[in-house]
Amino acid sequence: MPATCQVRVLGRFSVVVDGRPVPGDVWRNRRAADVVKLLAVAPDHRLHREQVMDLLWPDLPVDAAGANLRKAVHYARRALGCADAVRCAGRLLTLWPAGVLDVDLDRFERTADAALASGDAGRCAHAAADYRGDLLADDRYECWVVEPRAKARARYTALLRAAGDWTRLLDLDETDEEAHRAVMRRHLAAGNRREALRQFERLRRALRERVGVGPDAETVALYESALAADADEPPSPAQRAAVALANGLVAYGRRDLAEAERSARRVRVLALDADLGHELGEAATLLALVAHARGTWHRLFREEFADSVRRPTRPEVYDAHLCFQEFYLYGPEGHEGAEVFGRDLLDIASRAGSAAGRALAFLLLGEFALLSGRVDRAVTALRQSLREAERAGCVSAQALALERHAEAQVRLGDRAAARADLDRALPPALGSRIPSHLVIRVHGVRVLAADSLGGALGVIRDAERWLHEAPHVCDPCSMGFRIAAATACACAGSPSRARAHLAEAERISGLWQGGPWSAALWEVRAEVRRAEGRRAQAAALFFEAAEQFAALRRPLEERRCLAAAAAC
């Protein structure tokens, strides 16, 4: 009777041979398990040797990767207790070719495809029950798992949608608007108007925190109908603000900037009258988006800044502008004019006696000095920003001032002092109202401040884990980490890992052409070419980066790239 091998890849990886579980400790050679996993999820459970080598050892020469593959196959056969568990025939590797192979992913795919083709909700629900977890859940950071995992999850999502299992669908993706609308309609049909309104609020919060957008027009219309349905009392100010904000975001998405601004200003009035801090911050964010799209952000920021320093500190408004200030410095236009703007803000805040306002102005001045290569002046301004932020109790400004001060310490060569700053910066970043903006920035400077390449790679792994678990991370704020991570990986001799971070940085940069991000990406591309041994190409790319940094008046970066080009 043929030997049987059951492989489970949905959820945690496990293997059973002839009814006996293979103990986890036999996979001491991690790549032996990876070979079995790769073949288990591959079509027909077979792959060319070169495919396996490229997936598991992309940065090694062919001879070295081949030697590693032979060793991994040997240990895989030993773990499975069968000399033919992984057969090598010609250039092909095949899993369990002489026996009965049962992979749970195969069964799930067959059952799911048949259920979806039938269109029967009950069959789809039954098929969904076979999904025991995401594909190879313990290997979430392996690049080769990303595509098959996404395909398996897409089938599972389709099954839940066809089954009308909106609750489980929302457990899987809390930003699914169709599912939220279905639950809202279900509550309304049952006469649970308040639950329908709460469901909308859950959707609005999830979209804001995870995607950075608002609900679409259909969802907003359903919410408005819920507000009007048999209401015993008129909508509260918070509910009216929620409608106006959602409509404003819909208008902004359609590039109807005039309507988006009107909605934001209606929310601002409602929030000030009813003391709604959260809604006030969201209105400020929408106004800033509109102003940035019109090229009038400086004027709006100055008006809001002058107004806010005359009132008791509202952290929601303060935080709403921090990200836009950072985009102003690091976006396509660079930091031209930042010093004059910062001095103007400092004068406004000083006349108003606002510690929070002075903290923000000194932060802008310190960052400008850092970008201009005047590191000592940057240190002085950033320390002043930190003192004022501590006086005002502005935790987000404290985190940013410490993070930027740490970067200045790195430039001065004191990495130990930089790491101490970052240890102080992380708690306020996590405890702030905007951790999705601040925490990844701290991780980016932690890469720069590491005491060795090995230490930098450890920091990158920590940050990748946080990115995977975080509900939402601001794309522009993650650029510093992506660039630092790609550079460190390239310098550590891992160009394939560097390319993954470079690709993400290029995606983000593509939304805003030009500026220091573009120059930094040329430098990263040069580092990757140098890691690949293509030194002539690397030199050309370093020269391109140096030229762009020079045009942006970034002398430290320009000199660094010129020195790297000369060394190629």
Protein backbone atom coordinates (compact mmCIF):
# COMPACT_ATOMS: atom_id res chain seq x y z
CA MET A 1 0.00 0.00 0.00
CA PRO A 2 1.48 3.41 -0.97
CA ALA A 3 2.77 5.53 1.89
CA THR A 4 0.71 8.63 2.69
CA CYS A 5 1.92 12.12 3.46
CA GLN A 6 -0.47 14.78 4.73
CA VAL A 7 0.85 18.35 4.66
CA ARG A 8 -0.94 21.21 6.36
CA VAL A 9 -0.03 24.69 5.13
CA LEU A 10 -3.21 26.61 6.03
CA GLY A 11 -2.41 28.05 9.44
CA ARG A 12 0.69 26.50 11.02
CA PHE A 13 2.83 24.09 9.01
CA SER A 14 2.69 20.42 9.98
CA VAL A 15 3.25 17.03 8.34
CA VAL A 16 1.81 13.57 9.06
CA VAL A 17 3.42 10.49 7.45
CA ASP A 18 1.44 7.22 7.50
CA GLY A 19 -0.68 8.56 10.34
CA ARG A 20 2.29 9.60 12.50
CA PRO A 21 2.90 13.36 13.04
CA VAL A 22 6.39 14.52 12.12
CA PRO A 23 7.78 16.21 15.27
CA GLY A 24 8.56 19.88 14.91
CA ASP A 25 12.10 19.48 16.24
CA VAL A 26 13.19 17.41 13.23
CA TRP A 27 13.17 20.58 11.14
CA ARG A 28 16.40 21.85 12.65
CA ASN A 29 17.51 22.73 9.15
CA ARG A 30 15.03 25.53 8.39
CA ARG A 31 15.59 25.38 4.65
CA ALA A 32 14.65 21.68 4.63
CA ALA A 33 11.19 22.68 5.86
CA ASP A 34 11.11 25.54 3.34
CA VAL A 35 11.74 23.11 0.46
CA VAL A 36 8.77 20.98 1.59
CA LYS A 37 6.57 24.08 2.00
CA LEU A 38 7.51 25.43 -1.42
CA LEU A 39 6.71 22.14 -3.12
CA ALA A 40 3.48 21.74 -1.12
CA VAL A 41 2.05 25.04 -2.42
CA ALA A 42 3.47 24.71 -5.97
CA PRO A 43 1.25 23.55 -8.85
CA ASP A 44 1.49 19.74 -9.16
CA HIS A 45 3.91 19.91 -6.18
CA ARG A 46 6.95 20.23 -8.42
CA LEU A 47 9.42 23.02 -9.23
CA HIS A 48 12.61 23.42 -11.22
CA ARG A 49 15.75 23.38 -9.09
CA GLU A 50 16.61 26.89 -10.32
CA GLN A 51 13.23 28.20 -9.14
CA VAL A 52 13.80 26.86 -5.64
CA MET A 53 17.34 28.22 -5.55
CA ASP A 54 16.17 31.65 -6.71
CA LEU A 55 13.39 31.77 -4.12
CA LEU A 56 15.41 30.57 -1.13
CA TRP A 57 18.93 31.88 -1.93
CA PRO A 58 18.45 34.76 -4.39
CA ASP A 59 21.68 36.52 -3.44
CA LEU A 60 24.03 33.53 -3.65
CA PRO A 61 26.03 32.41 -6.70
CA VAL A 62 24.59 29.38 -8.50
CA ASP A 63 27.20 26.94 -7.13
CA ALA A 64 26.65 28.00 -3.52
CA ALA A 65 22.85 27.97 -3.87
CA GLY A 66 23.04 24.50 -5.46
CA ALA A 67 25.09 23.19 -2.56
CA ASN A 68 22.58 24.61 -0.08
CA LEU A 69 19.71 23.03 -1.99
CA ARG A 70 21.32 19.58 -1.95
CA LYS A 71 21.82 19.86 1.80
CA ALA A 72 18.23 21.03 2.36
CA VAL A 73 16.82 18.14 0.27
CA HIS A 74 18.93 15.65 2.25
CA TYR A 75 17.54 16.92 5.57
CA ALA A 76 13.97 17.06 4.20
CA ARG A 77 14.15 13.38 3.24
CA ARG A 78 15.53 12.53 6.66
CA ALA A 79 12.75 14.48 8.41
CA LEU A 80 10.04 12.74 6.37
CA GLY A 81 11.66 9.35 6.84
CA CYS A 82 11.70 8.49 3.14
CA ALA A 83 14.60 8.52 0.68
CA ASP A 84 12.19 9.46 -2.12
CA ALA A 85 10.24 12.09 -0.18
CA VAL A 86 11.72 14.78 -2.43
CA ARG A 87 12.69 13.33 -5.79
CA CYS A 88 15.28 15.01 -8.01
CA ALA A 89 14.72 13.96 -11.61
CA GLY A 90 16.62 16.01 -14.16
CA ARG A 91 16.04 19.64 -13.19
CA LEU A 92 12.75 18.96 -11.38
CA LEU A 93 12.07 18.56 -7.65
CA THR A 94 8.85 16.68 -6.78
CA LEU A 95 7.26 16.17 -3.37
CA TRP A 96 6.20 12.62 -2.38
CA PRO A 97 6.00 11.28 -5.97
CA ALA A 98 5.68 7.56 -5.17
CA GLY A 99 2.94 7.72 -2.52
CA VAL A 100 -0.33 9.45 -1.70
CA LEU A 101 0.14 13.18 -1.05
CA ASP A 102 -2.67 15.10 0.66
CA VAL A 103 -2.19 18.89 0.96
CA ASP A 104 -4.94 20.84 2.74
CA LEU A 105 -4.51 23.78 0.34
CA ASP A 106 -5.43 21.52 -2.61
CA ARG A 107 -8.60 20.34 -0.89
CA PHE A 108 -9.60 23.88 0.06
CA GLU A 109 -9.08 25.18 -3.49
CA ARG A 110 -11.13 22.35 -5.06
CA THR A 111 -13.99 22.74 -2.58
CA ALA A 112 -13.95 26.55 -2.83
CA ASP A 113 -13.97 26.62 -6.64
CA ALA A 114 -16.87 24.15 -6.80
CA ALA A 115 -18.88 26.09 -4.19
CA LEU A 116 -18.31 29.44 -5.88
CA ALA A 117 -19.28 27.98 -9.26
CA SER A 118 -22.53 26.65 -7.78
CA GLY A 119 -23.54 30.03 -6.37
CA ASP A 120 -25.07 28.27 -3.36
CA ALA A 121 -24.61 30.26 -0.13
CA GLY A 122 -24.72 27.15 2.06
CA ARG A 123 -22.02 25.36 0.05
CA CYS A 124 -19.86 28.48 0.18
CA ALA A 125 -20.22 28.69 3.96
CA HIS A 126 -19.29 25.00 4.27
CA ALA A 127 -16.23 25.48 2.03
CA ALA A 128 -15.12 28.53 4.03
CA ALA A 129 -14.98 26.36 7.15
CA ASP A 130 -12.04 24.46 5.58
CA TYR A 131 -9.90 27.60 5.74
CA ARG A 132 -7.93 26.99 8.94
CA GLY A 133 -5.85 30.14 8.81
CA ASP A 134 -3.64 32.17 6.48
CA LEU A 135 -1.20 30.19 4.38
CA LEU A 136 1.99 29.36 6.33
CA ALA A 137 1.15 31.78 9.11
CA ASP A 138 4.56 31.37 10.76
CA ASP A 139 6.35 32.45 7.55
CA ARG A 140 4.67 35.81 7.11
CA TYR A 141 7.98 37.61 6.43
CA GLU A 142 9.13 35.28 3.64
CA CYS A 143 8.79 36.95 0.24
CA TRP A 144 7.99 33.69 -1.57
CA VAL A 145 4.85 33.15 0.55
CA VAL A 146 3.23 36.49 -0.32
CA GLU A 147 1.63 35.58 -3.66
CA PRO A 148 0.19 32.13 -2.78
CA ARG A 149 -1.04 33.48 0.57
CA ALA A 150 -2.85 36.34 -1.17
CA LYS A 151 -4.50 33.90 -3.60
CA ALA A 152 -5.71 31.62 -0.81
CA ARG A 153 -7.07 34.54 1.20
CA ALA A 154 -8.83 35.94 -1.88
CA ARG A 155 -10.67 32.60 -2.31
CA TYR A 156 -11.65 32.65 1.36
CA THR A 157 -12.90 36.24 1.09
CA ALA A 158 -14.95 35.34 -1.99
CA LEU A 159 -16.53 32.42 -0.11
CA LEU A 160 -17.51 34.60 2.84
CA ARG A 161 -18.99 37.21 0.53
CA ALA A 162 -20.97 34.59 -1.41
CA ALA A 163 -22.19 33.09 1.86
CA GLY A 164 -23.23 36.50 3.19
CA ASP A 165 -21.07 35.91 6.27
CA TRP A 166 -20.48 39.60 6.89
CA THR A 167 -19.34 39.19 10.49
CA ARG A 168 -16.44 36.89 9.61
CA LEU A 169 -15.65 39.03 6.59
CA LEU A 170 -15.27 42.05 8.88
CA ASP A 171 -13.10 40.01 11.24
CA LEU A 172 -10.86 39.44 8.23
CA ASP A 173 -11.02 42.99 6.84
CA GLU A 174 -12.61 45.70 8.96
CA THR A 175 -12.43 48.17 6.04
CA ASP A 176 -14.82 46.19 3.78
CA GLU A 177 -17.55 48.75 3.05
CA GLU A 178 -19.92 46.29 1.40
CA ALA A 179 -19.88 44.16 4.56
CA HIS A 180 -20.45 47.18 6.80
CA ARG A 181 -23.39 48.31 4.64
CA ALA A 182 -24.91 44.83 4.78
CA VAL A 183 -24.67 44.81 8.58
CA MET A 184 -26.14 48.33 8.74
CA ARG A 185 -29.09 47.23 6.57
CA ARG A 186 -29.58 44.15 8.74
CA HIS A 187 -29.74 46.31 11.87
CA LEU A 188 -32.17 48.75 10.22
CA ALA A 189 -34.41 45.89 9.04
CA ALA A 190 -34.52 44.64 12.64
CA GLY A 191 -35.35 48.11 13.94
CA ASN A 192 -31.92 48.56 15.59
CA ARG A 193 -31.24 52.09 14.36
CA ARG A 194 -28.64 52.86 16.99
CA GLU A 195 -26.65 49.72 16.10
CA ALA A 196 -26.70 50.77 12.44
CA LEU A 197 -25.29 54.18 13.42
CA ARG A 198 -22.60 52.53 15.56
CA GLN A 199 -21.69 50.27 12.63
CA PHE A 200 -21.07 53.34 10.47
CA GLU A 201 -18.83 54.82 13.15
CA ARG A 202 -16.82 51.57 13.27
CA LEU A 203 -16.39 51.73 9.50
CA ARG A 204 -15.41 55.40 9.55
CA ARG A 205 -12.81 54.77 12.26
CA ALA A 206 -11.38 51.72 10.45
CA LEU A 207 -11.08 53.54 7.13
CA ARG A 208 -9.41 56.52 8.75
CA GLU A 209 -6.91 54.51 10.78
CA ARG A 210 -6.07 51.79 8.25
CA VAL A 211 -6.52 53.39 4.83
CA GLY A 212 -6.61 57.13 5.46
CA VAL A 213 -9.87 57.73 3.54
CA GLY A 214 -13.54 58.19 4.33
CA PRO A 215 -16.64 56.09 3.47
CA ASP A 216 -17.97 56.28 -0.08
CA ALA A 217 -21.13 58.09 -1.16
CA GLU A 218 -23.39 55.01 -0.99
CA THR A 219 -22.38 54.33 2.63
CA VAL A 220 -22.85 57.99 3.61
CA ALA A 221 -26.33 58.00 2.06
CA LEU A 222 -27.24 54.87 4.04
CA TYR A 223 -26.00 56.55 7.24
CA GLU A 224 -28.09 59.65 6.53
CA SER A 225 -31.17 57.49 5.96
CA ALA A 226 -30.47 55.76 9.28
CA LEU A 227 -30.28 59.13 11.02
CA ALA A 228 -33.65 60.13 9.58
CA ALA A 229 -35.42 56.82 10.16
CA ASP A 230 -38.00 57.05 12.96
CA ALA A 231 -35.67 59.17 15.04
CA ASP A 232 -36.98 60.06 18.50
CA GLU A 233 -34.49 62.91 18.69
CA PRO A 234 -32.60 64.97 16.12
CA PRO A 235 -29.03 63.95 15.15
CA SER A 236 -26.37 64.98 17.67
CA PRO A 237 -23.61 67.45 16.72
CA ALA A 238 -21.17 64.53 16.51
CA GLN A 239 -23.49 62.69 14.11
CA ARG A 240 -23.98 65.79 11.94
CA ALA A 241 -20.22 66.28 11.93
CA ALA A 242 -19.71 62.66 10.86
CA VAL A 243 -22.01 63.17 7.85
CA ALA A 244 -20.29 66.41 6.85
CA LEU A 245 -16.83 64.88 7.19
CA ALA A 246 -17.78 61.83 5.16
CA ASN A 247 -19.31 64.00 2.42
CA GLY A 248 -16.25 66.21 2.48
CA LEU A 249 -13.94 63.24 1.93
CA VAL A 250 -16.13 62.01 -0.91
CA ALA A 251 -15.92 65.46 -2.50
CA TYR A 252 -12.15 65.56 -2.00
CA GLY A 253 -11.83 62.16 -3.67
CA ARG A 254 -13.72 63.58 -6.66
CA ARG A 255 -11.40 66.63 -6.62
CA ASP A 256 -14.34 68.91 -5.82
CA LEU A 257 -12.16 71.03 -3.55
CA ALA A 258 -14.73 73.78 -3.02
CA GLU A 259 -17.32 71.34 -1.63
CA ALA A 260 -14.66 69.54 0.44
CA GLU A 261 -13.65 72.87 2.00
CA ARG A 262 -17.27 73.82 2.75
CA SER A 263 -17.84 70.49 4.48
CA ALA A 264 -14.65 70.83 6.53
CA ARG A 265 -15.57 74.33 7.66
CA ARG A 266 -19.07 73.17 8.67
CA VAL A 267 -17.47 70.48 10.80
CA ARG A 268 -15.08 73.01 12.30
CA VAL A 269 -17.97 75.22 13.44
CA LEU A 270 -19.89 72.23 14.83
CA ALA A 271 -16.82 70.93 16.65
CA LEU A 272 -15.95 74.28 18.23
CA ASP A 273 -19.55 74.87 19.36
CA ALA A 274 -19.92 71.34 20.82
CA ASP A 275 -16.30 70.92 22.03
CA LEU A 276 -15.68 67.90 19.79
CA GLY A 277 -11.89 67.54 19.83
CA HIS A 278 -11.66 64.51 17.56
CA GLU A 279 -13.93 66.02 14.90
CA LEU A 280 -12.02 69.31 15.11
CA GLY A 281 -8.78 67.49 14.32
CA GLU A 282 -10.39 65.67 11.37
CA ALA A 283 -11.73 68.95 10.00
CA ALA A 284 -8.23 70.44 10.23
CA THR A 285 -6.83 67.45 8.36
CA LEU A 286 -9.39 67.81 5.55
CA LEU A 287 -8.74 71.56 5.31
CA ALA A 288 -5.01 70.89 5.09
CA LEU A 289 -5.56 68.33 2.31
CA VAL A 290 -7.60 70.86 0.34
CA ALA A 291 -5.08 73.63 0.92
CA HIS A 292 -2.18 71.41 -0.14
CA ALA A 293 -4.00 70.44 -3.33
CA ARG A 294 -4.52 74.14 -4.08
CA GLY A 295 -0.96 75.15 -3.21
CA THR A 296 -2.18 77.38 -0.35
CA TRP A 297 -1.07 75.25 2.58
CA HIS A 298 1.33 77.89 3.98
CA ARG A 299 -1.45 80.48 4.23
CA LEU A 300 -3.89 78.04 5.81
CA PHE A 301 -1.31 76.70 8.24
CA ARG A 302 -0.36 80.22 9.32
CA GLU A 303 -4.03 81.17 9.84
CA GLU A 304 -4.77 77.99 11.83
CA PHE A 305 -1.52 78.34 13.76
CA ALA A 306 -2.25 81.96 14.71
CA ASP A 307 -5.79 81.02 15.74
CA SER A 308 -4.75 77.93 17.73
CA VAL A 309 -2.02 79.65 19.79
CA ARG A 310 -4.58 82.16 21.03
CA ARG A 311 -6.79 79.35 22.36
CA PRO A 312 -6.17 76.58 24.89
CA THR A 313 -3.99 73.92 23.27
CA ARG A 314 -6.02 71.47 21.15
CA PRO A 315 -3.73 68.51 20.40
CA GLU A 316 -6.09 67.26 17.68
CA VAL A 317 -5.48 70.38 15.55
CA TYR A 318 -1.79 70.44 16.41
CA ASP A 319 -1.31 66.81 15.38
CA ALA A 320 -3.34 67.25 12.20
CA HIS A 321 -0.73 69.65 10.86
CA LEU A 322 2.41 67.82 11.95
CA CYS A 323 2.27 65.33 9.09
CA PHE A 324 1.64 68.11 6.58
CA GLN A 325 4.59 70.06 7.96
CA GLU A 326 6.78 66.99 7.44
CA PHE A 327 5.46 66.58 3.91
CA TYR A 328 6.25 70.25 3.29
CA LEU A 329 9.90 69.63 4.25
CA TYR A 330 10.38 66.28 2.54
CA GLY A 331 7.92 66.40 -0.34
CA PRO A 332 8.48 67.46 -3.96
CA GLU A 333 9.19 71.13 -3.26
CA GLY A 334 11.88 70.52 -0.65
CA HIS A 335 12.64 72.86 2.24
CA GLU A 336 13.09 76.13 0.36
CA GLY A 337 11.75 79.00 2.46
CA ALA A 338 11.31 76.91 5.60
CA GLU A 339 13.55 79.11 7.77
CA VAL A 340 11.61 82.30 7.05
CA PHE A 341 8.33 80.45 7.59
CA GLY A 342 9.61 78.98 10.87
CA ARG A 343 10.77 82.37 12.18
CA ASP A 344 7.35 83.81 11.36
CA LEU A 345 5.61 81.02 13.31
CA LEU A 346 8.01 81.45 16.23
CA ASP A 347 7.22 85.17 16.40
CA ILE A 348 3.45 84.49 16.37
CA ALA A 349 3.77 81.85 19.12
CA SER A 350 6.08 83.98 21.28
CA ARG A 351 3.74 86.97 21.17
CA ALA A 352 0.86 84.70 22.17
CA GLY A 353 2.91 83.03 24.94
CA SER A 354 2.18 79.58 23.50
CA ALA A 355 4.63 76.83 24.47
CA ALA A 356 2.95 74.41 22.05
CA GLY A 357 3.31 76.89 19.21
CA ARG A 358 6.97 77.53 20.04
CA ALA A 359 7.58 73.77 20.11
CA LEU A 360 6.26 73.41 16.58
CA ALA A 361 8.16 76.47 15.28
CA PHE A 362 11.47 75.32 16.80
CA LEU A 363 10.87 71.85 15.36
CA LEU A 364 10.50 73.33 11.89
CA LEU A 365 13.64 75.45 12.34
CA GLY A 366 15.64 72.49 13.67
CA GLU A 367 14.61 70.25 10.79
CA PHE A 368 15.47 72.98 8.29
CA ALA A 369 18.95 73.36 9.81
CA LEU A 370 19.45 69.58 9.74
CA LEU A 371 18.48 69.34 6.09
CA SER A 372 20.77 72.29 5.26
CA GLY A 373 23.79 70.61 6.85
CA ARG A 374 24.00 72.96 9.86
CA VAL A 375 23.88 70.17 12.39
CA ASP A 376 25.01 72.12 15.48
CA ARG A 377 22.30 74.73 14.88
CA ALA A 378 19.79 71.89 14.38
CA VAL A 379 20.71 70.37 17.74
CA THR A 380 20.12 73.69 19.51
CA ALA A 381 16.72 74.29 17.89
CA LEU A 382 15.54 70.71 18.44
CA ARG A 383 16.47 70.84 22.13
CA GLN A 384 14.45 74.05 22.44
CA SER A 385 11.54 72.34 20.67
CA LEU A 386 11.71 69.43 23.13
CA ARG A 387 11.73 71.74 26.16
CA GLU A 388 8.70 73.66 24.88
CA ALA A 389 6.86 70.45 23.97
CA GLU A 390 7.44 69.07 27.47
CA ARG A 391 6.16 72.32 28.99
CA ALA A 392 3.03 72.16 26.82
CA GLY A 393 2.50 68.42 27.29
CA CYS A 394 2.53 67.81 23.51
CA VAL A 395 3.67 64.17 23.29
CA SER A 396 3.68 64.04 19.48
CA ALA A 397 6.03 67.03 19.31
CA GLN A 398 8.25 65.43 21.97
CA ALA A 399 8.54 62.26 19.89
CA LEU A 400 9.39 64.17 16.72
CA ALA A 401 11.92 66.44 18.42
CA LEU A 402 13.69 63.44 19.97
CA GLU A 403 13.65 61.52 16.70
CA ARG A 404 15.15 64.44 14.78
CA HIS A 405 17.68 65.10 17.55
CA ALA A 406 18.70 61.44 17.27
CA GLU A 407 19.26 61.87 13.53
CA ALA A 408 21.46 64.89 14.26
CA GLN A 409 23.48 62.79 16.73
CA VAL A 410 23.97 60.15 14.03
CA ARG A 411 25.33 62.84 11.70
CA LEU A 412 27.68 63.97 14.47
CA GLY A 413 28.90 60.37 14.89
CA ASP A 414 27.43 59.72 18.35
CA ARG A 415 25.23 56.69 17.67
CA ALA A 416 24.97 55.76 21.35
CA ALA A 417 23.44 59.16 22.15
CA ALA A 418 21.11 58.74 19.17
CA ARG A 419 19.89 55.38 20.45
CA ALA A 420 19.26 56.91 23.88
CA ASP A 421 17.13 59.62 22.24
CA LEU A 422 15.17 57.01 20.32
CA ASP A 423 14.54 54.98 23.46
CA ARG A 424 12.97 58.13 24.91
CA ALA A 425 11.05 58.87 21.68
CA LEU A 426 9.29 55.53 21.26
CA PRO A 427 6.93 55.66 24.30
CA PRO A 428 5.47 59.11 23.44
CA ALA A 429 5.23 58.06 19.77
CA LEU A 430 3.24 54.96 20.74
CA GLY A 431 1.14 56.94 23.24
CA SER A 432 0.39 59.84 20.92
CA ARG A 433 -2.77 60.40 18.91
CA ILE A 434 -0.83 59.76 15.70
CA PRO A 435 1.27 56.59 16.21
CA SER A 436 0.69 55.64 12.57
CA HIS A 437 2.85 58.65 11.66
CA LEU A 438 5.42 58.73 14.43
CA VAL A 439 6.42 55.14 15.27
CA ILE A 440 7.71 54.23 11.81
CA ARG A 441 9.79 57.42 11.78
CA VAL A 442 11.48 56.31 15.01
CA HIS A 443 12.20 52.90 13.46
CA GLY A 444 13.77 54.60 10.43
CA VAL A 445 16.30 56.49 12.56
CA ARG A 446 16.91 53.36 14.66
CA VAL A 447 18.26 51.73 11.49
CA LEU A 448 20.65 54.66 10.99
CA ALA A 449 21.71 54.60 14.66
CA ALA A 450 22.47 50.87 14.85
CA ASP A 451 26.02 50.06 15.95
CA SER A 452 26.56 47.45 13.22
CA LEU A 453 24.99 46.09 10.05
CA GLY A 454 23.78 43.09 12.05
CA GLY A 455 22.14 45.46 14.52
CA ALA A 456 20.52 47.37 11.67
CA LEU A 457 19.08 44.17 10.22
CA GLY A 458 17.65 43.31 13.65
CA VAL A 459 15.99 46.73 13.83
CA ILE A 460 14.56 46.20 10.34
CA ARG A 461 13.05 42.87 11.39
CA ASP A 462 11.44 44.54 14.42
CA ALA A 463 10.03 47.30 12.22
CA GLU A 464 8.74 44.81 9.63
CA ARG A 465 6.92 42.98 12.41
CA TRP A 466 5.39 46.24 13.63
CA LEU A 467 4.37 47.19 10.08
CA HIS A 468 2.62 43.84 9.67
CA GLU A 469 0.68 44.26 12.91
CA ALA A 470 -0.06 48.00 12.75
CA PRO A 471 -3.61 48.88 11.69
CA HIS A 472 -2.43 51.78 9.50
CA VAL A 473 0.91 53.42 8.70
CA CYS A 474 1.27 56.80 6.97
CA ASP A 475 3.00 56.28 3.61
CA PRO A 476 4.97 59.57 3.51
CA CYS A 477 6.12 59.09 7.11
CA SER A 478 7.40 55.59 6.29
CA MET A 479 9.76 56.83 3.55
CA GLY A 480 12.67 57.39 5.95
CA PHE A 481 12.44 53.80 7.18
CA ARG A 482 12.09 52.33 3.68
CA ILE A 483 15.14 54.21 2.42
CA ALA A 484 17.25 53.38 5.49
CA ALA A 485 16.18 49.71 5.39
CA ALA A 486 16.94 49.33 1.68
CA THR A 487 20.36 50.92 2.14
CA ALA A 488 21.25 48.77 5.15
CA CYS A 489 20.16 45.56 3.42
CA ALA A 490 22.22 46.41 0.34
CA CYS A 491 25.29 47.22 2.46
CA ALA A 492 24.80 43.91 4.31
CA GLY A 493 25.03 42.04 1.00
CA SER A 494 21.32 41.28 0.63
CA PRO A 495 20.23 43.14 -2.52
CA SER A 496 17.05 41.07 -2.90
CA ARG A 497 15.81 42.19 0.52
CA ALA A 498 16.90 45.75 -0.29
CA ARG A 499 14.87 45.66 -3.51
CA ALA A 500 11.70 44.82 -1.57
CA HIS A 501 12.00 48.00 0.52
CA LEU A 502 13.13 50.00 -2.52
CA ALA A 503 10.03 48.91 -4.45
CA GLU A 504 7.78 50.11 -1.63
CA ALA A 505 9.63 53.43 -1.45
CA GLU A 506 9.32 53.86 -5.23
CA ARG A 507 5.58 53.24 -5.00
CA ILE A 508 5.18 55.96 -2.39
CA SER A 509 7.52 58.39 -4.12
CA GLY A 510 5.62 57.89 -7.39
CA LEU A 511 2.65 59.69 -5.85
CA TRP A 512 4.74 62.86 -5.41
CA GLN A 513 7.34 63.33 -8.14
CA GLY A 514 10.62 65.13 -7.44
CA GLY A 515 12.12 66.41 -4.20
CA PRO A 516 14.54 64.76 -1.74
CA TRP A 517 12.74 61.42 -1.89
CA SER A 518 13.59 61.13 -5.58
CA ALA A 519 17.25 61.95 -4.90
CA ALA A 520 17.41 59.45 -2.03
CA LEU A 521 15.99 56.71 -4.24
CA TRP A 522 18.77 57.23 -6.78
CA GLU A 523 21.25 56.73 -3.94
CA VAL A 524 19.52 53.53 -2.82
CA ARG A 525 19.52 52.20 -6.39
CA ALA A 526 23.24 52.88 -6.47
CA GLU A 527 23.76 50.94 -3.24
CA VAL A 528 21.85 47.97 -4.67
CA ARG A 529 23.96 48.00 -7.86
CA ARG A 530 27.12 48.15 -5.78
CA ALA A 531 25.94 45.18 -3.68
CA GLU A 532 25.36 43.27 -6.93
CA GLY A 533 28.94 44.00 -8.04
CA ARG A 534 27.90 46.38 -10.84
CA ARG A 535 30.23 49.16 -9.76
CA ALA A 536 30.22 51.23 -12.96
CA GLN A 537 26.43 51.47 -12.87
CA ALA A 538 26.56 52.22 -9.16
CA ALA A 539 28.96 55.13 -9.75
CA ALA A 540 26.66 56.63 -12.38
CA LEU A 541 23.66 56.40 -10.07
CA PHE A 542 25.61 57.94 -7.16
CA PHE A 543 26.52 60.88 -9.42
CA GLU A 544 22.84 61.28 -10.37
CA ALA A 545 21.85 61.30 -6.69
CA ALA A 546 24.59 63.84 -5.86
CA GLU A 547 23.37 66.14 -8.62
CA GLN A 548 19.80 66.02 -7.36
CA PHE A 549 20.84 66.58 -3.74
CA ALA A 550 22.91 69.58 -4.86
CA ALA A 551 19.87 71.09 -6.61
CA LEU A 552 17.92 70.66 -3.35
CA ARG A 553 20.72 72.30 -1.31
CA ARG A 554 21.43 69.15 0.71
CA PRO A 555 25.24 69.43 1.04
CA LEU A 556 25.85 66.50 3.41
CA GLU A 557 24.02 64.07 1.14
CA GLU A 558 25.68 65.51 -1.95
CA ARG A 559 29.17 64.99 -0.49
CA ARG A 560 28.30 61.46 0.66
CA CYS A 561 27.14 60.43 -2.83
CA LEU A 562 30.16 61.98 -4.53
CA ALA A 563 32.49 60.09 -2.16
CA ALA A 564 30.62 56.84 -2.83
CA ALA A 565 30.85 57.37 -6.59
CA ALA A 566 34.60 57.97 -6.37
CA ALA A 567 35.05 54.76 -4.35
CA CYS A 568 33.25 52.56 -6.92
